[in-house]
Amino acid sequence: MSETDINKILVNGATISLEKLRRASNFESLLFHYAEISVYLEVSLSEGAGISDWSRQALAKLFADAASVFMDRKRHWHRDEPDGTDI
């Protein structure tokens, strides 16, 4: 597997996870996909793994987008709960 393949796998995996995060139907699923994206970002920070700068930048942007979606959805679900205890 080449360095280019690794970079594509990381970015494509995080992109898929972000789409799943956007479609999450419950908090557990939302949290799982958010954590999944953070793992892709964490792996990209490994030195000597052949991760390119473009890949790190793309993953950082995907993680920032995921954080925004996560917080918005969490706020939305929390607001919709009558006693606010679901999340």
PDB file of N, CA and C in Angstrom:
ATOM      1  N   MET A   1       0.851  -1.163   0.000  1.00  0.00           N
ATOM      2  CA  MET A   1       0.000   0.000   0.000  1.00  0.00           C
ATOM      3  C   MET A   1       0.903   1.234   0.000  1.00  0.00           C
ATOM      4  N   SER A   2       0.621   2.168  -0.873  1.00  0.00           N
ATOM      5  CA  SER A   2       1.463   3.367  -0.983  1.00  0.00           C
ATOM      6  C   SER A   2       0.987   4.443  -0.008  1.00  0.00           C
ATOM      7  N   GLU A   3       1.823   5.457   0.152  1.00  0.00           N
ATOM      8  CA  GLU A   3       1.467   6.573   1.024  1.00  0.00           C
ATOM      9  C   GLU A   3       0.213   7.280   0.525  1.00  0.00           C
ATOM     10  N   THR A   4       0.063   7.372  -0.791  1.00  0.00           N
ATOM     11  CA  THR A   4      -1.120   8.011  -1.360  1.00  0.00           C
ATOM     12  C   THR A   4      -2.378   7.244  -0.989  1.00  0.00           C
ATOM     13  N   ASP A   5      -2.312   5.912  -1.019  1.00  0.00           N
ATOM     14  CA  ASP A   5      -3.460   5.090  -0.646  1.00  0.00           C
ATOM     15  C   ASP A   5      -3.870   5.345   0.803  1.00  0.00           C
ATOM     16  N   ILE A   6      -2.903   5.442   1.681  1.00  0.00           N
ATOM     17  CA  ILE A   6      -3.191   5.671   3.100  1.00  0.00           C
ATOM     18  C   ILE A   6      -3.888   7.010   3.284  1.00  0.00           C
ATOM     19  N   ASN A   7      -3.404   8.025   2.619  1.00  0.00           N
ATOM     20  CA  ASN A   7      -4.013   9.353   2.718  1.00  0.00           C
ATOM     21  C   ASN A   7      -5.453   9.345   2.204  1.00  0.00           C
ATOM     22  N   LYS A   8      -5.672   8.686   1.080  1.00  0.00           N
ATOM     23  CA  LYS A   8      -7.023   8.604   0.516  1.00  0.00           C
ATOM     24  C   LYS A   8      -7.957   7.836   1.446  1.00  0.00           C
ATOM     25  N   ILE A   9      -7.474   6.758   2.021  1.00  0.00           N
ATOM     26  CA  ILE A   9      -8.288   5.952   2.942  1.00  0.00           C
ATOM     27  C   ILE A   9      -8.700   6.790   4.146  1.00  0.00           C
ATOM     28  N   LEU A  10      -7.762   7.532   4.716  1.00  0.00           N
ATOM     29  CA  LEU A  10      -8.074   8.367   5.878  1.00  0.00           C
ATOM     30  C   LEU A  10      -9.114   9.441   5.540  1.00  0.00           C
ATOM     31  N   VAL A  11      -8.878  10.166   4.463  1.00  0.00           N
ATOM     32  CA  VAL A  11      -9.789  11.258   4.103  1.00  0.00           C
ATOM     33  C   VAL A  11     -11.158  10.713   3.688  1.00  0.00           C
ATOM     34  N   ASN A  12     -11.176   9.660   2.882  1.00  0.00           N
ATOM     35  CA  ASN A  12     -12.463   9.089   2.469  1.00  0.00           C
ATOM     36  C   ASN A  12     -13.216   8.481   3.648  1.00  0.00           C
ATOM     37  N   GLY A  13     -12.510   7.827   4.550  1.00  0.00           N
ATOM     38  CA  GLY A  13     -13.150   7.258   5.737  1.00  0.00           C
ATOM     39  C   GLY A  13     -13.770   8.336   6.603  1.00  0.00           C
ATOM     40  N   ALA A  14     -13.050   9.423   6.810  1.00  0.00           N
ATOM     41  CA  ALA A  14     -13.575  10.529   7.615  1.00  0.00           C
ATOM     42  C   ALA A  14     -14.767  11.195   6.922  1.00  0.00           C
ATOM     43  N   THR A  15     -14.711  11.298   5.593  1.00  0.00           N
ATOM     44  CA  THR A  15     -15.819  11.884   4.844  1.00  0.00           C
ATOM     45  C   THR A  15     -17.077  11.037   4.991  1.00  0.00           C
ATOM     46  N   ILE A  16     -16.939   9.742   4.892  1.00  0.00           N
ATOM     47  CA  ILE A  16     -18.073   8.831   5.069  1.00  0.00           C
ATOM     48  C   ILE A  16     -18.629   8.941   6.487  1.00  0.00           C
ATOM     49  N   SER A  17     -17.738   8.995   7.467  1.00  0.00           N
ATOM     50  CA  SER A  17     -18.175   9.119   8.860  1.00  0.00           C
ATOM     51  C   SER A  17     -18.918  10.433   9.094  1.00  0.00           C
ATOM     52  N   LEU A  18     -18.468  11.513   8.451  1.00  0.00           N
ATOM     53  CA  LEU A  18     -19.152  12.798   8.591  1.00  0.00           C
ATOM     54  C   LEU A  18     -20.565  12.719   8.014  1.00  0.00           C
ATOM     55  N   GLU A  19     -20.725  12.054   6.884  1.00  0.00           N
ATOM     56  CA  GLU A  19     -22.067  11.895   6.312  1.00  0.00           C
ATOM     57  C   GLU A  19     -22.957  11.058   7.232  1.00  0.00           C
ATOM     58  N   LYS A  20     -22.399  10.025   7.828  1.00  0.00           N
ATOM     59  CA  LYS A  20     -23.163   9.210   8.779  1.00  0.00           C
ATOM     60  C   LYS A  20     -23.504  10.018  10.022  1.00  0.00           C
ATOM     61  N   LEU A  21     -22.588  10.876  10.452  1.00  0.00           N
ATOM     62  CA  LEU A  21     -22.831  11.751  11.596  1.00  0.00           C
ATOM     63  C   LEU A  21     -24.012  12.670  11.314  1.00  0.00           C
ATOM     64  N   ARG A  22     -24.049  13.220  10.120  1.00  0.00           N
ATOM     65  CA  ARG A  22     -25.148  14.117   9.750  1.00  0.00           C
ATOM     66  C   ARG A  22     -26.499  13.414   9.733  1.00  0.00           C
ATOM     67  N   ARG A  23     -26.491  12.106   9.464  1.00  0.00           N
ATOM     68  CA  ARG A  23     -27.742  11.341   9.390  1.00  0.00           C
ATOM     69  C   ARG A  23     -28.067  10.586  10.677  1.00  0.00           C
ATOM     70  N   ALA A  24     -27.259  10.755  11.704  1.00  0.00           N
ATOM     71  CA  ALA A  24     -27.456  10.004  12.955  1.00  0.00           C
ATOM     72  C   ALA A  24     -28.862  10.237  13.502  1.00  0.00           C
ATOM     73  N   SER A  25     -29.490   9.153  13.936  1.00  0.00           N
ATOM     74  CA  SER A  25     -30.864   9.245  14.430  1.00  0.00           C
ATOM     75  C   SER A  25     -30.955   9.206  15.949  1.00  0.00           C
ATOM     76  N   ASN A  26     -29.835   8.985  16.617  1.00  0.00           N
ATOM     77  CA  ASN A  26     -29.837   9.020  18.082  1.00  0.00           C
ATOM     78  C   ASN A  26     -28.474   9.496  18.576  1.00  0.00           C
ATOM     79  N   PHE A  27     -28.426   9.825  19.851  1.00  0.00           N
ATOM     80  CA  PHE A  27     -27.210  10.402  20.406  1.00  0.00           C
ATOM     81  C   PHE A  27     -26.032   9.432  20.367  1.00  0.00           C
ATOM     82  N   GLU A  28     -26.283   8.152  20.620  1.00  0.00           N
ATOM     83  CA  GLU A  28     -25.199   7.165  20.615  1.00  0.00           C
ATOM     84  C   GLU A  28     -24.540   7.078  19.239  1.00  0.00           C
ATOM     85  N   SER A  29     -25.342   7.088  18.202  1.00  0.00           N
ATOM     86  CA  SER A  29     -24.822   7.049  16.840  1.00  0.00           C
ATOM     87  C   SER A  29     -24.051   8.333  16.526  1.00  0.00           C
ATOM     88  N   LEU A  30     -24.591   9.453  16.957  1.00  0.00           N
ATOM     89  CA  LEU A  30     -23.920  10.738  16.760  1.00  0.00           C
ATOM     90  C   LEU A  30     -22.547  10.728  17.427  1.00  0.00           C
ATOM     91  N   LEU A  31     -22.501  10.275  18.653  1.00  0.00           N
ATOM     92  CA  LEU A  31     -21.245  10.229  19.397  1.00  0.00           C
ATOM     93  C   LEU A  31     -20.254   9.257  18.765  1.00  0.00           C
ATOM     94  N   PHE A  32     -20.725   8.103  18.313  1.00  0.00           N
ATOM     95  CA  PHE A  32     -19.858   7.110  17.688  1.00  0.00           C
ATOM     96  C   PHE A  32     -19.170   7.680  16.451  1.00  0.00           C
ATOM     97  N   HIS A  33     -19.932   8.297  15.557  1.00  0.00           N
ATOM     98  CA  HIS A  33     -19.357   8.810  14.315  1.00  0.00           C
ATOM     99  C   HIS A  33     -18.444  10.012  14.577  1.00  0.00           C
ATOM    100  N   TYR A  34     -18.761  10.812  15.570  1.00  0.00           N
ATOM    101  CA  TYR A  34     -17.873  11.915  15.948  1.00  0.00           C
ATOM    102  C   TYR A  34     -16.537  11.359  16.450  1.00  0.00           C
ATOM    103  N   ALA A  35     -16.594  10.344  17.286  1.00  0.00           N
ATOM    104  CA  ALA A  35     -15.367   9.716  17.791  1.00  0.00           C
ATOM    105  C   ALA A  35     -14.578   9.071  16.652  1.00  0.00           C
ATOM    106  N   GLU A  36     -15.291   8.481  15.717  1.00  0.00           N
ATOM    107  CA  GLU A  36     -14.640   7.845  14.569  1.00  0.00           C
ATOM    108  C   GLU A  36     -13.824   8.868  13.776  1.00  0.00           C
ATOM    109  N   ILE A  37     -14.387  10.042  13.547  1.00  0.00           N
ATOM    110  CA  ILE A  37     -13.677  11.090  12.822  1.00  0.00           C
ATOM    111  C   ILE A  37     -12.463  11.560  13.612  1.00  0.00           C
ATOM    112  N   SER A  38     -12.602  11.637  14.918  1.00  0.00           N
ATOM    113  CA  SER A  38     -11.458  12.066  15.732  1.00  0.00           C
ATOM    114  C   SER A  38     -10.315  11.054  15.659  1.00  0.00           C
ATOM    115  N   VAL A  39     -10.644   9.782  15.489  1.00  0.00           N
ATOM    116  CA  VAL A  39      -9.601   8.761  15.341  1.00  0.00           C
ATOM    117  C   VAL A  39      -8.857   8.954  14.020  1.00  0.00           C
ATOM    118  N   TYR A  40      -9.582   9.234  12.952  1.00  0.00           N
ATOM    119  CA  TYR A  40      -8.917   9.502  11.668  1.00  0.00           C
ATOM    120  C   TYR A  40      -7.952  10.679  11.813  1.00  0.00           C
ATOM    121  N   LEU A  41      -8.397  11.739  12.496  1.00  0.00           N
ATOM    122  CA  LEU A  41      -7.528  12.890  12.705  1.00  0.00           C
ATOM    123  C   LEU A  41      -6.315  12.509  13.546  1.00  0.00           C
ATOM    124  N   GLU A  42      -6.530  11.751  14.591  1.00  0.00           N
ATOM    125  CA  GLU A  42      -5.432  11.320  15.468  1.00  0.00           C
ATOM    126  C   GLU A  42      -4.397  10.507  14.685  1.00  0.00           C
ATOM    127  N   VAL A  43      -4.855   9.597  13.849  1.00  0.00           N
ATOM    128  CA  VAL A  43      -3.940   8.784  13.044  1.00  0.00           C
ATOM    129  C   VAL A  43      -3.130   9.670  12.100  1.00  0.00           C
ATOM    130  N   SER A  44      -3.768  10.710  11.582  1.00  0.00           N
ATOM    131  CA  SER A  44      -3.068  11.585  10.636  1.00  0.00           C
ATOM    132  C   SER A  44      -1.923  12.344  11.300  1.00  0.00           C
ATOM    133  N   LEU A  45      -1.938  12.448  12.602  1.00  0.00           N
ATOM    134  CA  LEU A  45      -0.885  13.170  13.315  1.00  0.00           C
ATOM    135  C   LEU A  45       0.320  12.291  13.628  1.00  0.00           C
ATOM    136  N   SER A  46       0.236  11.010  13.293  1.00  0.00           N
ATOM    137  CA  SER A  46       1.347  10.089  13.530  1.00  0.00           C
ATOM    138  C   SER A  46       2.529  10.452  12.643  1.00  0.00           C
ATOM    139  N   GLU A  47       3.669  10.563  13.253  1.00  0.00           N
ATOM    140  CA  GLU A  47       4.872  10.870  12.476  1.00  0.00           C
ATOM    141  C   GLU A  47       5.420   9.606  11.848  1.00  0.00           C
ATOM    142  N   GLY A  48       5.938   9.738  10.650  1.00  0.00           N
ATOM    143  CA  GLY A  48       6.546   8.608   9.969  1.00  0.00           C
ATOM    144  C   GLY A  48       5.559   7.641   9.353  1.00  0.00           C
ATOM    145  N   ALA A  49       4.285   7.998   9.327  1.00  0.00           N
ATOM    146  CA  ALA A  49       3.268   7.108   8.771  1.00  0.00           C
ATOM    147  C   ALA A  49       2.970   7.424   7.312  1.00  0.00           C
ATOM    148  N   GLY A  50       3.644   8.407   6.746  1.00  0.00           N
ATOM    149  CA  GLY A  50       3.424   8.754   5.342  1.00  0.00           C
ATOM    150  C   GLY A  50       2.182   9.591   5.117  1.00  0.00           C
ATOM    151  N   ILE A  51       1.731  10.301   6.129  1.00  0.00           N
ATOM    152  CA  ILE A  51       0.545  11.134   5.989  1.00  0.00           C
ATOM    153  C   ILE A  51       0.966  12.492   5.438  1.00  0.00           C
ATOM    154  N   SER A  52       0.324  12.907   4.367  1.00  0.00           N
ATOM    155  CA  SER A  52       0.703  14.157   3.708  1.00  0.00           C
ATOM    156  C   SER A  52       0.033  15.364   4.376  1.00  0.00           C
ATOM    157  N   ASP A  53       0.567  16.532   4.079  1.00  0.00           N
ATOM    158  CA  ASP A  53       0.009  17.769   4.632  1.00  0.00           C
ATOM    159  C   ASP A  53      -1.416  17.999   4.144  1.00  0.00           C
ATOM    160  N   TRP A  54      -1.680  17.702   2.859  1.00  0.00           N
ATOM    161  CA  TRP A  54      -3.039  17.910   2.348  1.00  0.00           C
ATOM    162  C   TRP A  54      -4.032  17.025   3.082  1.00  0.00           C
ATOM    163  N   SER A  55      -3.602  15.832   3.429  1.00  0.00           N
ATOM    164  CA  SER A  55      -4.464  14.906   4.156  1.00  0.00           C
ATOM    165  C   SER A  55      -4.743  15.427   5.568  1.00  0.00           C
ATOM    166  N   ARG A  56      -3.701  15.897   6.248  1.00  0.00           N
ATOM    167  CA  ARG A  56      -3.876  16.466   7.597  1.00  0.00           C
ATOM    168  C   ARG A  56      -4.817  17.665   7.570  1.00  0.00           C
ATOM    169  N   GLN A  57      -4.642  18.521   6.579  1.00  0.00           N
ATOM    170  CA  GLN A  57      -5.499  19.707   6.463  1.00  0.00           C
ATOM    171  C   GLN A  57      -6.949  19.317   6.173  1.00  0.00           C
ATOM    172  N   ALA A  58      -7.139  18.361   5.287  1.00  0.00           N
ATOM    173  CA  ALA A  58      -8.494  17.899   4.964  1.00  0.00           C
ATOM    174  C   ALA A  58      -9.151  17.276   6.191  1.00  0.00           C
ATOM    175  N   LEU A  59      -8.400  16.481   6.928  1.00  0.00           N
ATOM    176  CA  LEU A  59      -8.948  15.837   8.125  1.00  0.00           C
ATOM    177  C   LEU A  59      -9.245  16.857   9.220  1.00  0.00           C
ATOM    178  N   ALA A  60      -8.413  17.875   9.353  1.00  0.00           N
ATOM    179  CA  ALA A  60      -8.678  18.925  10.340  1.00  0.00           C
ATOM    180  C   ALA A  60      -9.972  19.662   9.997  1.00  0.00           C
ATOM    181  N   LYS A  61     -10.190  19.919   8.708  1.00  0.00           N
ATOM    182  CA  LYS A  61     -11.433  20.583   8.287  1.00  0.00           C
ATOM    183  C   LYS A  61     -12.635  19.672   8.507  1.00  0.00           C
ATOM    184  N   LEU A  62     -12.500  18.400   8.170  1.00  0.00           N
ATOM    185  CA  LEU A  62     -13.593  17.454   8.395  1.00  0.00           C
ATOM    186  C   LEU A  62     -13.927  17.358   9.882  1.00  0.00           C
ATOM    187  N   PHE A  63     -12.895  17.358  10.727  1.00  0.00           N
ATOM    188  CA  PHE A  63     -13.129  17.291  12.167  1.00  0.00           C
ATOM    189  C   PHE A  63     -13.825  18.559  12.661  1.00  0.00           C
ATOM    190  N   ALA A  64     -13.420  19.720  12.156  1.00  0.00           N
ATOM    191  CA  ALA A  64     -14.077  20.972  12.538  1.00  0.00           C
ATOM    192  C   ALA A  64     -15.546  20.961  12.114  1.00  0.00           C
ATOM    193  N   ASP A  65     -15.817  20.467  10.910  1.00  0.00           N
ATOM    194  CA  ASP A  65     -17.202  20.344  10.438  1.00  0.00           C
ATOM    195  C   ASP A  65     -17.981  19.377  11.331  1.00  0.00           C
ATOM    196  N   ALA A  66     -17.348  18.269  11.689  1.00  0.00           N
ATOM    197  CA  ALA A  66     -17.998  17.270  12.541  1.00  0.00           C
ATOM    198  C   ALA A  66     -18.302  17.846  13.919  1.00  0.00           C
ATOM    199  N   ALA A  67     -17.386  18.626  14.469  1.00  0.00           N
ATOM    200  CA  ALA A  67     -17.605  19.238  15.778  1.00  0.00           C
ATOM    201  C   ALA A  67     -18.804  20.182  15.729  1.00  0.00           C
ATOM    202  N   SER A  68     -18.906  20.937  14.648  1.00  0.00           N
ATOM    203  CA  SER A  68     -20.026  21.856  14.489  1.00  0.00           C
ATOM    204  C   SER A  68     -21.354  21.097  14.402  1.00  0.00           C
ATOM    205  N   VAL A  69     -21.388  20.062  13.576  1.00  0.00           N
ATOM    206  CA  VAL A  69     -22.601  19.243  13.436  1.00  0.00           C
ATOM    207  C   VAL A  69     -22.948  18.588  14.775  1.00  0.00           C
ATOM    208  N   PHE A  70     -21.947  18.035  15.429  1.00  0.00           N
ATOM    209  CA  PHE A  70     -22.163  17.356  16.706  1.00  0.00           C
ATOM    210  C   PHE A  70     -22.780  18.309  17.730  1.00  0.00           C
ATOM    211  N   MET A  71     -22.205  19.480  17.878  1.00  0.00           N
ATOM    212  CA  MET A  71     -22.708  20.430  18.873  1.00  0.00           C
ATOM    213  C   MET A  71     -24.107  20.922  18.520  1.00  0.00           C
ATOM    214  N   ASP A  72     -24.367  21.194  17.245  1.00  0.00           N
ATOM    215  CA  ASP A  72     -25.700  21.644  16.835  1.00  0.00           C
ATOM    216  C   ASP A  72     -26.752  20.574  17.104  1.00  0.00           C
ATOM    217  N   ARG A  73     -26.444  19.341  16.724  1.00  0.00           N
ATOM    218  CA  ARG A  73     -27.409  18.256  16.925  1.00  0.00           C
ATOM    219  C   ARG A  73     -27.618  17.973  18.409  1.00  0.00           C
ATOM    220  N   LYS A  74     -26.543  18.011  19.174  1.00  0.00           N
ATOM    221  CA  LYS A  74     -26.650  17.773  20.615  1.00  0.00           C
ATOM    222  C   LYS A  74     -27.531  18.847  21.255  1.00  0.00           C
ATOM    223  N   ARG A  75     -27.308  20.103  20.892  1.00  0.00           N
ATOM    224  CA  ARG A  75     -28.128  21.197  21.419  1.00  0.00           C
ATOM    225  C   ARG A  75     -29.589  21.011  21.029  1.00  0.00           C
ATOM    226  N   HIS A  76     -29.812  20.641  19.784  1.00  0.00           N
ATOM    227  CA  HIS A  76     -31.177  20.450  19.286  1.00  0.00           C
ATOM    228  C   HIS A  76     -31.889  19.348  20.072  1.00  0.00           C
ATOM    229  N   TRP A  77     -31.226  18.205  20.252  1.00  0.00           N
ATOM    230  CA  TRP A  77     -31.852  17.104  20.987  1.00  0.00           C
ATOM    231  C   TRP A  77     -32.049  17.460  22.451  1.00  0.00           C
ATOM    232  N   HIS A  78     -31.109  18.156  23.026  1.00  0.00           N
ATOM    233  CA  HIS A  78     -31.211  18.535  24.432  1.00  0.00           C
ATOM    234  C   HIS A  78     -32.381  19.493  24.645  1.00  0.00           C
ATOM    235  N   ARG A  79     -32.559  20.420  23.728  1.00  0.00           N
ATOM    236  CA  ARG A  79     -33.637  21.395  23.817  1.00  0.00           C
ATOM    237  C   ARG A  79     -35.001  20.713  23.665  1.00  0.00           C
ATOM    238  N   ASP A  80     -35.082  19.655  22.853  1.00  0.00           N
ATOM    239  CA  ASP A  80     -36.350  18.980  22.606  1.00  0.00           C
ATOM    240  C   ASP A  80     -36.780  18.052  23.728  1.00  0.00           C
ATOM    241  N   GLU A  81     -35.872  17.722  24.634  1.00  0.00           N
ATOM    242  CA  GLU A  81     -36.218  16.856  25.758  1.00  0.00           C
ATOM    243  C   GLU A  81     -36.907  17.685  26.836  1.00  0.00           C
ATOM    244  N   PRO A  82     -38.072  17.243  27.326  1.00  0.00           N
ATOM    245  CA  PRO A  82     -38.817  18.028  28.306  1.00  0.00           C
ATOM    246  C   PRO A  82     -38.024  18.301  29.592  1.00  0.00           C
ATOM    247  N   ASP A  83     -37.286  17.328  30.071  1.00  0.00           N
ATOM    248  CA  ASP A  83     -36.533  17.540  31.307  1.00  0.00           C
ATOM    249  C   ASP A  83     -35.043  17.712  31.049  1.00  0.00           C
ATOM    250  N   GLY A  84     -34.628  17.620  29.786  1.00  0.00           N
ATOM    251  CA  GLY A  84     -33.239  17.834  29.419  1.00  0.00           C
ATOM    252  C   GLY A  84     -32.292  16.737  29.889  1.00  0.00           C
ATOM    253  N   THR A  85     -32.812  15.563  30.264  1.00  0.00           N
ATOM    254  CA  THR A  85     -31.958  14.514  30.837  1.00  0.00           C
ATOM    255  C   THR A  85     -31.519  13.454  29.837  1.00  0.00           C
ATOM    256  N   ASP A  86     -32.002  13.501  28.613  1.00  0.00           N
ATOM    257  CA  ASP A  86     -31.672  12.432  27.666  1.00  0.00           C
ATOM    258  C   ASP A  86     -30.212  12.439  27.252  1.00  0.00           C
ATOM    259  N   ILE A  87     -29.595  13.598  27.233  1.00  0.00           N
ATOM    260  CA  ILE A  87     -28.216  13.683  26.761  1.00  0.00           C
ATOM    261  C   ILE A  87     -27.305  14.043  27.897  1.00  0.00           C
TER     262      ILE A  87
END
